[in-house]
Amino acid sequence: MKKIIFILSALCVCISISAQTNEAKAKDILDKSSAMLSSANGITAGFVFNLKDKSLKHTESFEGKISIKSDKFFIETPDRDFYFNGKTQWVHDKAVAEVSILEPKPEEIQALNPLLLFSSYKTGWTYAFLGDKTDVKSRKVKEISLVPKSSKADIKKILMQVSATDFMPLFFHIYYANGAENLIYVGKYDAKTALSDAVFQFDAKKFPGVEVVDLR
């Protein structure tokens, strides 16, 4: 009996050490990704966005482009363009030639741009390193799982893949509390481009005839 108790105790210790090691590895990867994203003068990338909503029996897929600089971003999609200069957001609905202006909450911005997850992972999430893998484009990546500490969070889990060479986030699989899922694949990207702050602010002069709706 004593031998069994000893073996079980040793096993528990090994599991605990392994969990701590995986958490430390995940944090190291996230820290390096965060540092890379926050220090870059500009990052541009193409992406594919997939939405799955089993409850509504709805799926959606489209390609887009994203430009990032610190907490600023510009997202181009077939139907809408999103500008965010760190405080104000502009949503340009191309179909109706309308631009909405608002000042979103941090969680709303994070839902729109998962790369901004790095602003809160240190306090709002638990994480674990899942291993070294190869992604769909045959790139070497490191996979991490993130789970929010709050049971009331809209997001229940994120599976994330980060480049093993420069720590650029390359894939997100986001699981929502309502059963919906987002899959975001990052394709070609340039992490060494210089972007002007003007990129992240809507310029009405370039879009004559567009109606502006200020919701602030």
Foldseek 3Di string as FASTA:
>chain_A
DVVVVVVVVVVVVVVVVQFVVQQVVVVVLLVLLLVLQAPFLKKKFKKKKWKDDVVVRDIDIWIWMKMGYHLWIWIDTPQWIWFDLPFKIWIQGPVQLAIEIDGDDPVVSCVVPVSCVSVPQVPFWGKGWDAWDADPVRFIWTWMKIAGPDPPDQWGIWIWIAGPPRRHTAWIWTAGPNGMIMIMGIDDMDRHDRDDSVSRDDDVVVRPPRHYHYPD
